[in-house]
PDB file of N, CA and C in Angstrom:
ATOM      1  N   MET A   1     102.629  92.606 131.312  1.00  0.00           N
ATOM      2  CA  MET A   1     103.404  91.872 130.345  1.00  0.00           C
ATOM      3  C   MET A   1     104.867  92.306 130.453  1.00  0.00           C
ATOM      4  N   SER A   2     105.751  91.351 130.522  1.00  0.00           N
ATOM      5  CA  SER A   2     107.165  91.648 130.747  1.00  0.00           C
ATOM      6  C   SER A   2     107.794  92.468 129.625  1.00  0.00           C
ATOM      7  N   VAL A   3     107.303  92.341 128.399  1.00  0.00           N
ATOM      8  CA  VAL A   3     107.871  93.092 127.283  1.00  0.00           C
ATOM      9  C   VAL A   3     107.616  94.596 127.455  1.00  0.00           C
ATOM     10  N   PHE A   4     106.614  94.949 128.273  1.00  0.00           N
ATOM     11  CA  PHE A   4     106.288  96.351 128.520  1.00  0.00           C
ATOM     12  C   PHE A   4     106.756  96.817 129.896  1.00  0.00           C
ATOM     13  N   LYS A   5     107.765  96.145 130.441  1.00  0.00           N
ATOM     14  CA  LYS A   5     108.341  96.519 131.725  1.00  0.00           C
ATOM     15  C   LYS A   5     109.840  96.703 131.561  1.00  0.00           C
ATOM     16  N   GLY A   6     110.432  97.505 132.419  1.00  0.00           N
ATOM     17  CA  GLY A   6     111.872  97.688 132.400  1.00  0.00           C
ATOM     18  C   GLY A   6     112.313  98.840 131.515  1.00  0.00           C
ATOM     19  N   ILE A   7     113.600  98.888 131.299  1.00  0.00           N
ATOM     20  CA  ILE A   7     114.235  99.992 130.575  1.00  0.00           C
ATOM     21  C   ILE A   7     113.736 100.112 129.148  1.00  0.00           C
ATOM     22  N   GLU A   8     113.535  99.016 128.475  1.00  0.00           N
ATOM     23  CA  GLU A   8     113.171  99.023 127.064  1.00  0.00           C
ATOM     24  C   GLU A   8     111.667  99.083 126.814  1.00  0.00           C
ATOM     25  N   ALA A   9     110.856  99.173 127.855  1.00  0.00           N
ATOM     26  CA  ALA A   9     109.403  99.123 127.712  1.00  0.00           C
ATOM     27  C   ALA A   9     108.864 100.199 126.774  1.00  0.00           C
ATOM     28  N   LYS A  10     109.328 101.417 126.938  1.00  0.00           N
ATOM     29  CA  LYS A  10     108.808 102.518 126.124  1.00  0.00           C
ATOM     30  C   LYS A  10     109.110 102.310 124.638  1.00  0.00           C
ATOM     31  N   LEU A  11     110.321 101.869 124.341  1.00  0.00           N
ATOM     32  CA  LEU A  11     110.695 101.619 122.946  1.00  0.00           C
ATOM     33  C   LEU A  11     109.922 100.427 122.387  1.00  0.00           C
ATOM     34  N   ASN A  12     109.776  99.369 123.179  1.00  0.00           N
ATOM     35  CA  ASN A  12     109.000  98.213 122.734  1.00  0.00           C
ATOM     36  C   ASN A  12     107.568  98.621 122.407  1.00  0.00           C
ATOM     37  N   PHE A  13     106.955  99.378 123.313  1.00  0.00           N
ATOM     38  CA  PHE A  13     105.574  99.795 123.094  1.00  0.00           C
ATOM     39  C   PHE A  13     105.452 100.670 121.852  1.00  0.00           C
ATOM     40  N   ALA A  14     106.416 101.573 121.656  1.00  0.00           N
ATOM     41  CA  ALA A  14     106.395 102.444 120.471  1.00  0.00           C
ATOM     42  C   ALA A  14     106.518 101.616 119.196  1.00  0.00           C
ATOM     43  N   VAL A  15     107.399 100.628 119.181  1.00  0.00           N
ATOM     44  CA  VAL A  15     107.558  99.758 118.014  1.00  0.00           C
ATOM     45  C   VAL A  15     106.243  99.041 117.736  1.00  0.00           C
ATOM     46  N   PHE A  16     105.632  98.480 118.768  1.00  0.00           N
ATOM     47  CA  PHE A  16     104.361  97.771 118.604  1.00  0.00           C
ATOM     48  C   PHE A  16     103.295  98.718 118.052  1.00  0.00           C
ATOM     49  N   ALA A  17     103.165  99.898 118.655  1.00  0.00           N
ATOM     50  CA  ALA A  17     102.128 100.850 118.253  1.00  0.00           C
ATOM     51  C   ALA A  17     102.299 101.294 116.804  1.00  0.00           C
ATOM     52  N   VAL A  18     103.526 101.567 116.402  1.00  0.00           N
ATOM     53  CA  VAL A  18     103.782 102.006 115.026  1.00  0.00           C
ATOM     54  C   VAL A  18     103.476 100.888 114.045  1.00  0.00           C
ATOM     55  N   LEU A  19     103.928  99.674 114.343  1.00  0.00           N
ATOM     56  CA  LEU A  19     103.694  98.556 113.429  1.00  0.00           C
ATOM     57  C   LEU A  19     102.219  98.165 113.358  1.00  0.00           C
ATOM     58  N   VAL A  20     101.485  98.334 114.460  1.00  0.00           N
ATOM     59  CA  VAL A  20     100.049  98.062 114.429  1.00  0.00           C
ATOM     60  C   VAL A  20      99.353  99.058 113.512  1.00  0.00           C
ATOM     61  N   SER A  21      99.729 100.317 113.614  1.00  0.00           N
ATOM     62  CA  SER A  21      99.015 101.339 112.843  1.00  0.00           C
ATOM     63  C   SER A  21      99.469 101.432 111.387  1.00  0.00           C
ATOM     64  N   LEU A  22     100.740 101.158 111.108  1.00  0.00           N
ATOM     65  CA  LEU A  22     101.253 101.351 109.747  1.00  0.00           C
ATOM     66  C   LEU A  22     101.590 100.064 109.008  1.00  0.00           C
ATOM     67  N   GLY A  23     101.625  98.955 109.700  1.00  0.00           N
ATOM     68  CA  GLY A  23     101.974  97.698 109.055  1.00  0.00           C
ATOM     69  C   GLY A  23     103.483  97.539 108.930  1.00  0.00           C
ATOM     70  N   PRO A  24     103.933  96.561 108.146  1.00  0.00           N
ATOM     71  CA  PRO A  24     105.364  96.277 108.025  1.00  0.00           C
ATOM     72  C   PRO A  24     106.159  97.493 107.546  1.00  0.00           C
ATOM     73  N   LEU A  25     107.304  97.717 108.200  1.00  0.00           N
ATOM     74  CA  LEU A  25     108.179  98.844 107.862  1.00  0.00           C
ATOM     75  C   LEU A  25     109.634  98.407 107.881  1.00  0.00           C
ATOM     76  N   THR A  26     110.455  99.132 107.139  1.00  0.00           N
ATOM     77  CA  THR A  26     111.906  98.930 107.230  1.00  0.00           C
ATOM     78  C   THR A  26     112.382  99.577 108.520  1.00  0.00           C
ATOM     79  N   ILE A  27     113.604  99.279 108.911  1.00  0.00           N
ATOM     80  CA  ILE A  27     114.130  99.862 110.135  1.00  0.00           C
ATOM     81  C   ILE A  27     114.231 101.385 110.024  1.00  0.00           C
ATOM     82  N   ASN A  28     114.577 101.902 108.855  1.00  0.00           N
ATOM     83  CA  ASN A  28     114.649 103.359 108.689  1.00  0.00           C
ATOM     84  C   ASN A  28     113.276 104.009 108.803  1.00  0.00           C
ATOM     85  N   GLU A  29     112.267 103.391 108.199  1.00  0.00           N
ATOM     86  CA  GLU A  29     110.908 103.908 108.300  1.00  0.00           C
ATOM     87  C   GLU A  29     110.413 103.838 109.743  1.00  0.00           C
ATOM     88  N   LEU A  30     110.735 102.746 110.400  1.00  0.00           N
ATOM     89  CA  LEU A  30     110.335 102.558 111.793  1.00  0.00           C
ATOM     90  C   LEU A  30     111.023 103.576 112.698  1.00  0.00           C
ATOM     91  N   LEU A  31     112.306 103.805 112.475  1.00  0.00           N
ATOM     92  CA  LEU A  31     113.050 104.788 113.269  1.00  0.00           C
ATOM     93  C   LEU A  31     112.436 106.177 113.126  1.00  0.00           C
ATOM     94  N   LYS A  32     112.073 106.533 111.920  1.00  0.00           N
ATOM     95  CA  LYS A  32     111.460 107.837 111.671  1.00  0.00           C
ATOM     96  C   LYS A  32     110.162 107.991 112.470  1.00  0.00           C
ATOM     97  N   GLN A  33     109.342 106.943 112.488  1.00  0.00           N
ATOM     98  CA  GLN A  33     108.062 106.988 113.203  1.00  0.00           C
ATOM     99  C   GLN A  33     108.243 106.923 114.723  1.00  0.00           C
ATOM    100  N   VAL A  34     109.143 106.066 115.187  1.00  0.00           N
ATOM    101  CA  VAL A  34     109.397 105.925 116.623  1.00  0.00           C
ATOM    102  C   VAL A  34     109.957 107.229 117.184  1.00  0.00           C
ATOM    103  N   SER A  35     110.808 107.888 116.422  1.00  0.00           N
ATOM    104  CA  SER A  35     111.426 109.138 116.874  1.00  0.00           C
ATOM    105  C   SER A  35     110.408 110.253 117.079  1.00  0.00           C
ATOM    106  N   LYS A  36     109.243 110.126 116.482  1.00  0.00           N
ATOM    107  CA  LYS A  36     108.178 111.114 116.663  1.00  0.00           C
ATOM    108  C   LYS A  36     107.458 110.947 118.001  1.00  0.00           C
ATOM    109  N   GLN A  37     107.651 109.799 118.643  1.00  0.00           N
ATOM    110  CA  GLN A  37     106.981 109.515 119.908  1.00  0.00           C
ATOM    111  C   GLN A  37     107.626 110.328 121.032  1.00  0.00           C
ATOM    112  N   LYS A  38     106.809 110.760 121.949  1.00  0.00           N
ATOM    113  CA  LYS A  38     107.279 111.560 123.076  1.00  0.00           C
ATOM    114  C   LYS A  38     108.351 110.799 123.865  1.00  0.00           C
ATOM    115  N   GLY A  39     109.482 111.445 124.061  1.00  0.00           N
ATOM    116  CA  GLY A  39     110.572 110.862 124.830  1.00  0.00           C
ATOM    117  C   GLY A  39     111.485 109.936 124.042  1.00  0.00           C
ATOM    118  N   LEU A  40     111.194 109.719 122.767  1.00  0.00           N
ATOM    119  CA  LEU A  40     112.016 108.803 121.964  1.00  0.00           C
ATOM    120  C   LEU A  40     112.685 109.507 120.787  1.00  0.00           C
ATOM    121  N   GLY A  41     112.709 110.841 120.821  1.00  0.00           N
ATOM    122  CA  GLY A  41     113.296 111.611 119.734  1.00  0.00           C
ATOM    123  C   GLY A  41     114.769 111.355 119.512  1.00  0.00           C
ATOM    124  N   GLY A  42     115.472 110.939 120.541  1.00  0.00           N
ATOM    125  CA  GLY A  42     116.903 110.689 120.426  1.00  0.00           C
ATOM    126  C   GLY A  42     117.259 109.230 120.209  1.00  0.00           C
ATOM    127  N   THR A  43     116.317 108.434 119.730  1.00  0.00           N
ATOM    128  CA  THR A  43     116.568 107.011 119.522  1.00  0.00           C
ATOM    129  C   THR A  43     117.544 106.816 118.368  1.00  0.00           C
ATOM    130  N   TYR A  44     118.562 106.014 118.602  1.00  0.00           N
ATOM    131  CA  TYR A  44     119.575 105.745 117.586  1.00  0.00           C
ATOM    132  C   TYR A  44     119.210 104.504 116.770  1.00  0.00           C
ATOM    133  N   TYR A  45     119.686 104.489 115.543  1.00  0.00           N
ATOM    134  CA  TYR A  45     119.494 103.346 114.646  1.00  0.00           C
ATOM    135  C   TYR A  45     119.994 102.068 115.323  1.00  0.00           C
ATOM    136  N   ALA A  46     121.179 102.123 115.912  1.00  0.00           N
ATOM    137  CA  ALA A  46     121.769 100.940 116.544  1.00  0.00           C
ATOM    138  C   ALA A  46     120.905 100.425 117.694  1.00  0.00           C
ATOM    139  N   SER A  47     120.331 101.336 118.470  1.00  0.00           N
ATOM    140  CA  SER A  47     119.463 100.936 119.582  1.00  0.00           C
ATOM    141  C   SER A  47     118.205 100.246 119.070  1.00  0.00           C
ATOM    142  N   LEU A  48     117.616 100.806 118.027  1.00  0.00           N
ATOM    143  CA  LEU A  48     116.416 100.210 117.456  1.00  0.00           C
ATOM    144  C   LEU A  48     116.741  98.869 116.810  1.00  0.00           C
ATOM    145  N   ASN A  49     117.861  98.776 116.145  1.00  0.00           N
ATOM    146  CA  ASN A  49     118.284  97.524 115.524  1.00  0.00           C
ATOM    147  C   ASN A  49     118.446  96.430 116.583  1.00  0.00           C
ATOM    148  N   LYS A  50     119.086  96.768 117.686  1.00  0.00           N
ATOM    149  CA  LYS A  50     119.281  95.822 118.783  1.00  0.00           C
ATOM    150  C   LYS A  50     117.929  95.402 119.369  1.00  0.00           C
ATOM    151  N   ARG A  51     117.031  96.362 119.534  1.00  0.00           N
ATOM    152  CA  ARG A  51     115.708  96.087 120.085  1.00  0.00           C
ATOM    153  C   ARG A  51     114.910  95.186 119.143  1.00  0.00           C
ATOM    154  N   LEU A  52     114.952  95.455 117.838  1.00  0.00           N
ATOM    155  CA  LEU A  52     114.246  94.629 116.863  1.00  0.00           C
ATOM    156  C   LEU A  52     114.796  93.203 116.848  1.00  0.00           C
ATOM    157  N   HIS A  53     116.097  93.073 116.990  1.00  0.00           N
ATOM    158  CA  HIS A  53     116.703  91.737 117.045  1.00  0.00           C
ATOM    159  C   HIS A  53     116.170  90.980 118.266  1.00  0.00           C
ATOM    160  N   TRP A  54     116.110  91.645 119.422  1.00  0.00           N
ATOM    161  CA  TRP A  54     115.585  91.013 120.634  1.00  0.00           C
ATOM    162  C   TRP A  54     114.117  90.633 120.451  1.00  0.00           C
ATOM    163  N   LEU A  55     113.323  91.552 119.900  1.00  0.00           N
ATOM    164  CA  LEU A  55     111.897  91.285 119.680  1.00  0.00           C
ATOM    165  C   LEU A  55     111.699  90.126 118.691  1.00  0.00           C
ATOM    166  N   ALA A  56     112.535  90.048 117.674  1.00  0.00           N
ATOM    167  CA  ALA A  56     112.447  88.948 116.703  1.00  0.00           C
ATOM    168  C   ALA A  56     112.848  87.621 117.352  1.00  0.00           C
ATOM    169  N   THR A  57     113.919  87.629 118.113  1.00  0.00           N
ATOM    170  CA  THR A  57     114.395  86.423 118.789  1.00  0.00           C
ATOM    171  C   THR A  57     113.347  85.878 119.752  1.00  0.00           C
ATOM    172  N   ASN A  58     112.589  86.790 120.375  1.00  0.00           N
ATOM    173  CA  ASN A  58     111.578  86.396 121.353  1.00  0.00           C
ATOM    174  C   ASN A  58     110.170  86.262 120.765  1.00  0.00           C
ATOM    175  N   GLY A  59     110.073  86.332 119.445  1.00  0.00           N
ATOM    176  CA  GLY A  59     108.826  86.035 118.762  1.00  0.00           C
ATOM    177  C   GLY A  59     107.793  87.146 118.689  1.00  0.00           C
ATOM    178  N   TYR A  60     108.197  88.388 118.927  1.00  0.00           N
ATOM    179  CA  TYR A  60     107.246  89.502 118.884  1.00  0.00           C
ATOM    180  C   TYR A  60     107.188  90.193 117.521  1.00  0.00           C
ATOM    181  N   VAL A  61     108.276  90.165 116.782  1.00  0.00           N
ATOM    182  CA  VAL A  61     108.272  90.702 115.425  1.00  0.00           C
ATOM    183  C   VAL A  61     108.850  89.649 114.491  1.00  0.00           C
ATOM    184  N   LYS A  62     108.479  89.776 113.250  1.00  0.00           N
ATOM    185  CA  LYS A  62     108.961  88.849 112.228  1.00  0.00           C
ATOM    186  C   LYS A  62     109.685  89.675 111.174  1.00  0.00           C
ATOM    187  N   GLU A  63     110.857  89.203 110.781  1.00  0.00           N
ATOM    188  CA  GLU A  63     111.615  89.851 109.710  1.00  0.00           C
ATOM    189  C   GLU A  63     111.141  89.294 108.385  1.00  0.00           C
ATOM    190  N   LEU A  64     110.691  90.177 107.511  1.00  0.00           N
ATOM    191  CA  LEU A  64     110.265  89.770 106.178  1.00  0.00           C
ATOM    192  C   LEU A  64     111.435  89.952 105.232  1.00  0.00           C
ATOM    193  N   GLN A  65     111.677  88.986 104.416  1.00  0.00           N
ATOM    194  CA  GLN A  65     112.805  89.063 103.493  1.00  0.00           C
ATOM    195  C   GLN A  65     112.537  90.120 102.427  1.00  0.00           C
ATOM    196  N   PRO A  66     113.567  90.868 102.107  1.00  0.00           N
ATOM    197  CA  PRO A  66     113.388  91.971 101.157  1.00  0.00           C
ATOM    198  C   PRO A  66     113.189  91.488  99.726  1.00  0.00           C
ATOM    199  N   SER A  67     112.478  92.321  98.973  1.00  0.00           N
ATOM    200  CA  SER A  67     112.404  92.091  97.541  1.00  0.00           C
ATOM    201  C   SER A  67     113.661  92.706  96.935  1.00  0.00           C
ATOM    202  N   CYS A  68     113.773  92.699  95.665  1.00  0.00           N
ATOM    203  CA  CYS A  68     114.994  93.177  95.000  1.00  0.00           C
ATOM    204  C   CYS A  68     115.366  94.605  95.386  1.00  0.00           C
ATOM    205  N   SER A  69     114.395  95.484  95.458  1.00  0.00           N
ATOM    206  CA  SER A  69     114.713  96.894  95.651  1.00  0.00           C
ATOM    207  C   SER A  69     114.390  97.416  97.047  1.00  0.00           C
ATOM    208  N   ARG A  70     114.029  96.562  97.963  1.00  0.00           N
ATOM    209  CA  ARG A  70     113.587  97.030  99.278  1.00  0.00           C
ATOM    210  C   ARG A  70     114.378  96.342 100.386  1.00  0.00           C
ATOM    211  N   ALA A  71     114.610  97.095 101.451  1.00  0.00           N
ATOM    212  CA  ALA A  71     115.312  96.555 102.608  1.00  0.00           C
ATOM    213  C   ALA A  71     114.394  95.614 103.392  1.00  0.00           C
ATOM    214  N   LYS A  72     114.978  94.845 104.277  1.00  0.00           N
ATOM    215  CA  LYS A  72     114.233  93.942 105.138  1.00  0.00           C
ATOM    216  C   LYS A  72     113.180  94.742 105.906  1.00  0.00           C
ATOM    217  N   THR A  73     111.972  94.194 106.038  1.00  0.00           N
ATOM    218  CA  THR A  73     110.919  94.863 106.792  1.00  0.00           C
ATOM    219  C   THR A  73     110.554  94.035 108.017  1.00  0.00           C
ATOM    220  N   TYR A  74     109.915  94.696 108.945  1.00  0.00           N
ATOM    221  CA  TYR A  74     109.513  94.060 110.201  1.00  0.00           C
ATOM    222  C   TYR A  74     108.010  94.187 110.361  1.00  0.00           C
ATOM    223  N   GLN A  75     107.397  93.119 110.857  1.00  0.00           N
ATOM    224  CA  GLN A  75     105.973  93.172 111.163  1.00  0.00           C
ATOM    225  C   GLN A  75     105.731  92.471 112.490  1.00  0.00           C
ATOM    226  N   LEU A  76     104.638  92.841 113.140  1.00  0.00           N
ATOM    227  CA  LEU A  76     104.282  92.208 114.405  1.00  0.00           C
ATOM    228  C   LEU A  76     103.790  90.795 114.164  1.00  0.00           C
ATOM    229  N   THR A  77     104.012  89.949 115.147  1.00  0.00           N
ATOM    230  CA  THR A  77     103.487  88.587 115.108  1.00  0.00           C
ATOM    231  C   THR A  77     102.167  88.552 115.882  1.00  0.00           C
ATOM    232  N   ASN A  78     101.468  87.456 115.769  1.00  0.00           N
ATOM    233  CA  ASN A  78     100.243  87.274 116.554  1.00  0.00           C
ATOM    234  C   ASN A  78     100.537  87.311 118.046  1.00  0.00           C
ATOM    235  N   LYS A  79     101.703  86.825 118.435  1.00  0.00           N
ATOM    236  CA  LYS A  79     102.112  86.853 119.843  1.00  0.00           C
ATOM    237  C   LYS A  79     102.183  88.301 120.340  1.00  0.00           C
ATOM    238  N   ALA A  80     102.707  89.203 119.534  1.00  0.00           N
ATOM    239  CA  ALA A  80     102.797  90.610 119.919  1.00  0.00           C
ATOM    240  C   ALA A  80     101.415  91.236 120.045  1.00  0.00           C
ATOM    241  N   ILE A  81     100.542  90.919 119.121  1.00  0.00           N
ATOM    242  CA  ILE A  81      99.187  91.470 119.169  1.00  0.00           C
ATOM    243  C   ILE A  81      98.454  90.957 120.403  1.00  0.00           C
ATOM    244  N   LEU A  82      98.594  89.670 120.711  1.00  0.00           N
ATOM    245  CA  LEU A  82      98.001  89.108 121.916  1.00  0.00           C
ATOM    246  C   LEU A  82      98.557  89.806 123.157  1.00  0.00           C
ATOM    247  N   THR A  83      99.849  90.045 123.181  1.00  0.00           N
ATOM    248  CA  THR A  83     100.475  90.730 124.308  1.00  0.00           C
ATOM    249  C   THR A  83      99.890  92.122 124.496  1.00  0.00           C
ATOM    250  N   MET A  84      99.695  92.842 123.395  1.00  0.00           N
ATOM    251  CA  MET A  84      99.107  94.182 123.486  1.00  0.00           C
ATOM    252  C   MET A  84      97.665  94.116 123.991  1.00  0.00           C
ATOM    253  N   VAL A  85      96.889  93.168 123.486  1.00  0.00           N
ATOM    254  CA  VAL A  85      95.495  93.034 123.922  1.00  0.00           C
ATOM    255  C   VAL A  85      95.437  92.749 125.412  1.00  0.00           C
ATOM    256  N   LEU A  86      96.248  91.804 125.870  1.00  0.00           N
ATOM    257  CA  LEU A  86      96.232  91.455 127.290  1.00  0.00           C
ATOM    258  C   LEU A  86      96.736  92.607 128.158  1.00  0.00           C
ATOM    259  N   ASP A  87      97.734  93.327 127.682  1.00  0.00           N
ATOM    260  CA  ASP A  87      98.268  94.454 128.442  1.00  0.00           C
ATOM    261  C   ASP A  87      97.240  95.576 128.540  1.00  0.00           C
ATOM    262  N   GLN A  88      96.579  95.887 127.437  1.00  0.00           N
ATOM    263  CA  GLN A  88      95.613  96.980 127.408  1.00  0.00           C
ATOM    264  C   GLN A  88      94.315  96.629 128.140  1.00  0.00           C
ATOM    265  N   SER A  89      93.954  95.349 128.155  1.00  0.00           N
ATOM    266  CA  SER A  89      92.695  94.948 128.780  1.00  0.00           C
ATOM    267  C   SER A  89      92.839  94.728 130.276  1.00  0.00           C
ATOM    268  N   GLY A  90      94.054  94.758 130.776  1.00  0.00           N
ATOM    269  CA  GLY A  90      94.251  94.506 132.195  1.00  0.00           C
ATOM    270  C   GLY A  90      94.428  93.029 132.507  1.00  0.00           C
ATOM    271  N   GLY A  91      94.659  92.237 131.496  1.00  0.00           N
ATOM    272  CA  GLY A  91      94.917  90.824 131.707  1.00  0.00           C
ATOM    273  C   GLY A  91      93.692  89.966 131.479  1.00  0.00           C
ATOM    274  N   PHE A  92      93.728  88.774 132.008  1.00  0.00           N
ATOM    275  CA  PHE A  92      92.698  87.791 131.739  1.00  0.00           C
ATOM    276  C   PHE A  92      91.380  88.068 132.458  1.00  0.00           C
ATOM    277  N   GLN A  93      91.408  88.766 133.594  1.00  0.00           N
ATOM    278  CA  GLN A  93      90.167  88.943 134.339  1.00  0.00           C
ATOM    279  C   GLN A  93      89.098  89.639 133.514  1.00  0.00           C
ATOM    280  N   GLU A  94      89.439  90.698 132.835  1.00  0.00           N
ATOM    281  CA  GLU A  94      88.456  91.406 132.012  1.00  0.00           C
ATOM    282  C   GLU A  94      87.958  90.520 130.868  1.00  0.00           C
ATOM    283  N   ILE A  95      88.856  89.742 130.295  1.00  0.00           N
ATOM    284  CA  ILE A  95      88.466  88.840 129.218  1.00  0.00           C
ATOM    285  C   ILE A  95      87.497  87.790 129.735  1.00  0.00           C
ATOM    286  N   VAL A  96      87.801  87.198 130.880  1.00  0.00           N
ATOM    287  CA  VAL A  96      86.923  86.195 131.478  1.00  0.00           C
ATOM    288  C   VAL A  96      85.568  86.809 131.808  1.00  0.00           C
ATOM    289  N   ASP A  97      85.562  88.015 132.339  1.00  0.00           N
ATOM    290  CA  ASP A  97      84.303  88.681 132.702  1.00  0.00           C
ATOM    291  C   ASP A  97      83.423  88.944 131.489  1.00  0.00           C
ATOM    292  N   LYS A  98      84.013  89.178 130.327  1.00  0.00           N
ATOM    293  CA  LYS A  98      83.258  89.562 129.135  1.00  0.00           C
ATOM    294  C   LYS A  98      82.927  88.402 128.198  1.00  0.00           C
ATOM    295  N   THR A  99      83.470  87.225 128.439  1.00  0.00           N
ATOM    296  CA  THR A  99      83.303  86.132 127.484  1.00  0.00           C
ATOM    297  C   THR A  99      82.063  85.290 127.764  1.00  0.00           C
ATOM    298  N   SER A 100      81.546  84.690 126.723  1.00  0.00           N
ATOM    299  CA  SER A 100      80.438  83.742 126.872  1.00  0.00           C
ATOM    300  C   SER A 100      81.012  82.390 127.279  1.00  0.00           C
ATOM    301  N   ASP A 101      80.139  81.486 127.691  1.00  0.00           N
ATOM    302  CA  ASP A 101      80.587  80.163 128.096  1.00  0.00           C
ATOM    303  C   ASP A 101      81.225  79.411 126.932  1.00  0.00           C
ATOM    304  N   ASN A 102      80.647  79.529 125.728  1.00  0.00           N
ATOM    305  CA  ASN A 102      81.211  78.849 124.556  1.00  0.00           C
ATOM    306  C   ASN A 102      82.607  79.373 124.234  1.00  0.00           C
ATOM    307  N   LYS A 103      82.766  80.685 124.253  1.00  0.00           N
ATOM    308  CA  LYS A 103      84.074  81.270 123.965  1.00  0.00           C
ATOM    309  C   LYS A 103      85.070  80.945 125.069  1.00  0.00           C
ATOM    310  N   ALA A 104      84.602  80.882 126.312  1.00  0.00           N
ATOM    311  CA  ALA A 104      85.480  80.506 127.421  1.00  0.00           C
ATOM    312  C   ALA A 104      85.989  79.079 127.236  1.00  0.00           C
ATOM    313  N   GLY A 105      85.116  78.197 126.737  1.00  0.00           N
ATOM    314  CA  GLY A 105      85.529  76.820 126.470  1.00  0.00           C
ATOM    315  C   GLY A 105      86.598  76.752 125.402  1.00  0.00           C
ATOM    316  N   PHE A 106      86.404  77.521 124.327  1.00  0.00           N
ATOM    317  CA  PHE A 106      87.385  77.561 123.245  1.00  0.00           C
ATOM    318  C   PHE A 106      88.713  78.117 123.753  1.00  0.00           C
ATOM    319  N   LEU A 107      88.648  79.217 124.498  1.00  0.00           N
ATOM    320  CA  LEU A 107      89.858  79.839 125.033  1.00  0.00           C
ATOM    321  C   LEU A 107      90.572  78.884 125.989  1.00  0.00           C
ATOM    322  N   SER A 108      89.816  78.200 126.835  1.00  0.00           N
ATOM    323  CA  SER A 108      90.416  77.230 127.764  1.00  0.00           C
ATOM    324  C   SER A 108      91.133  76.116 127.019  1.00  0.00           C
ATOM    325  N   ALA A 109      90.488  75.604 125.975  1.00  0.00           N
ATOM    326  CA  ALA A 109      91.107  74.534 125.186  1.00  0.00           C
ATOM    327  C   ALA A 109      92.403  75.019 124.542  1.00  0.00           C
ATOM    328  N   MET A 110      92.388  76.227 124.011  1.00  0.00           N
ATOM    329  CA  MET A 110      93.587  76.772 123.377  1.00  0.00           C
ATOM    330  C   MET A 110      94.704  76.956 124.403  1.00  0.00           C
ATOM    331  N   LEU A 111      94.358  77.502 125.577  1.00  0.00           N
ATOM    332  CA  LEU A 111      95.376  77.720 126.611  1.00  0.00           C
ATOM    333  C   LEU A 111      95.954  76.401 127.114  1.00  0.00           C
ATOM    334  N   LEU A 112      95.101  75.411 127.308  1.00  0.00           N
ATOM    335  CA  LEU A 112      95.597  74.098 127.726  1.00  0.00           C
ATOM    336  C   LEU A 112      96.505  73.499 126.665  1.00  0.00           C
ATOM    337  N   SER A 113      96.156  73.676 125.420  1.00  0.00           N
ATOM    338  CA  SER A 113      96.988  73.193 124.322  1.00  0.00           C
ATOM    339  C   SER A 113      98.358  73.879 124.338  1.00  0.00           C
ATOM    340  N   ILE A 114      98.367  75.170 124.597  1.00  0.00           N
ATOM    341  CA  ILE A 114      99.614  75.919 124.653  1.00  0.00           C
ATOM    342  C   ILE A 114     100.466  75.466 125.835  1.00  0.00           C
ATOM    343  N   LEU A 115      99.828  75.325 126.989  1.00  0.00           N
ATOM    344  CA  LEU A 115     100.565  74.985 128.204  1.00  0.00           C
ATOM    345  C   LEU A 115     101.048  73.540 128.252  1.00  0.00           C
ATOM    346  N   PHE A 116     100.247  72.622 127.726  1.00  0.00           N
ATOM    347  CA  PHE A 116     100.560  71.206 127.888  1.00  0.00           C
ATOM    348  C   PHE A 116     100.732  70.435 126.591  1.00  0.00           C
ATOM    349  N   GLY A 117     100.412  71.072 125.479  1.00  0.00           N
ATOM    350  CA  GLY A 117     100.485  70.388 124.201  1.00  0.00           C
ATOM    351  C   GLY A 117     101.736  70.750 123.422  1.00  0.00           C
ATOM    352  N   LYS A 118     101.708  70.343 122.214  1.00  0.00           N
ATOM    353  CA  LYS A 118     102.808  70.644 121.288  1.00  0.00           C
ATOM    354  C   LYS A 118     102.227  71.448 120.146  1.00  0.00           C
ATOM    355  N   ASP A 119     103.052  72.319 119.576  1.00  0.00           N
ATOM    356  CA  ASP A 119     102.606  73.102 118.413  1.00  0.00           C
ATOM    357  C   ASP A 119     102.582  72.270 117.178  1.00  0.00           C
TER     358      ASP A 119
END
């Protein structure tokens, strides 16, 4: 998965992992958790803010509007969770190998809808 490749891969993966385990967080809460990850102790607020903006623009995280007393929070989208599943499973081959014919039909219909249909 391209989101887990390149210079920003480690930070992207850390953001995904933290949000999967803890749910929606503010940028300060997220920075605190990401900084605990090996090799990311020196992550700056500005770097994480820029990364979250990129992830939001590309549909991997969603910005939740703040309530009166709370800052904006971020949560993973279904697209991000799908990306993690496909990345961790080794891609579609393992999924195809493990699926039943009925589920394969459903998955095929969904993929065709995504590739050739409209949302």
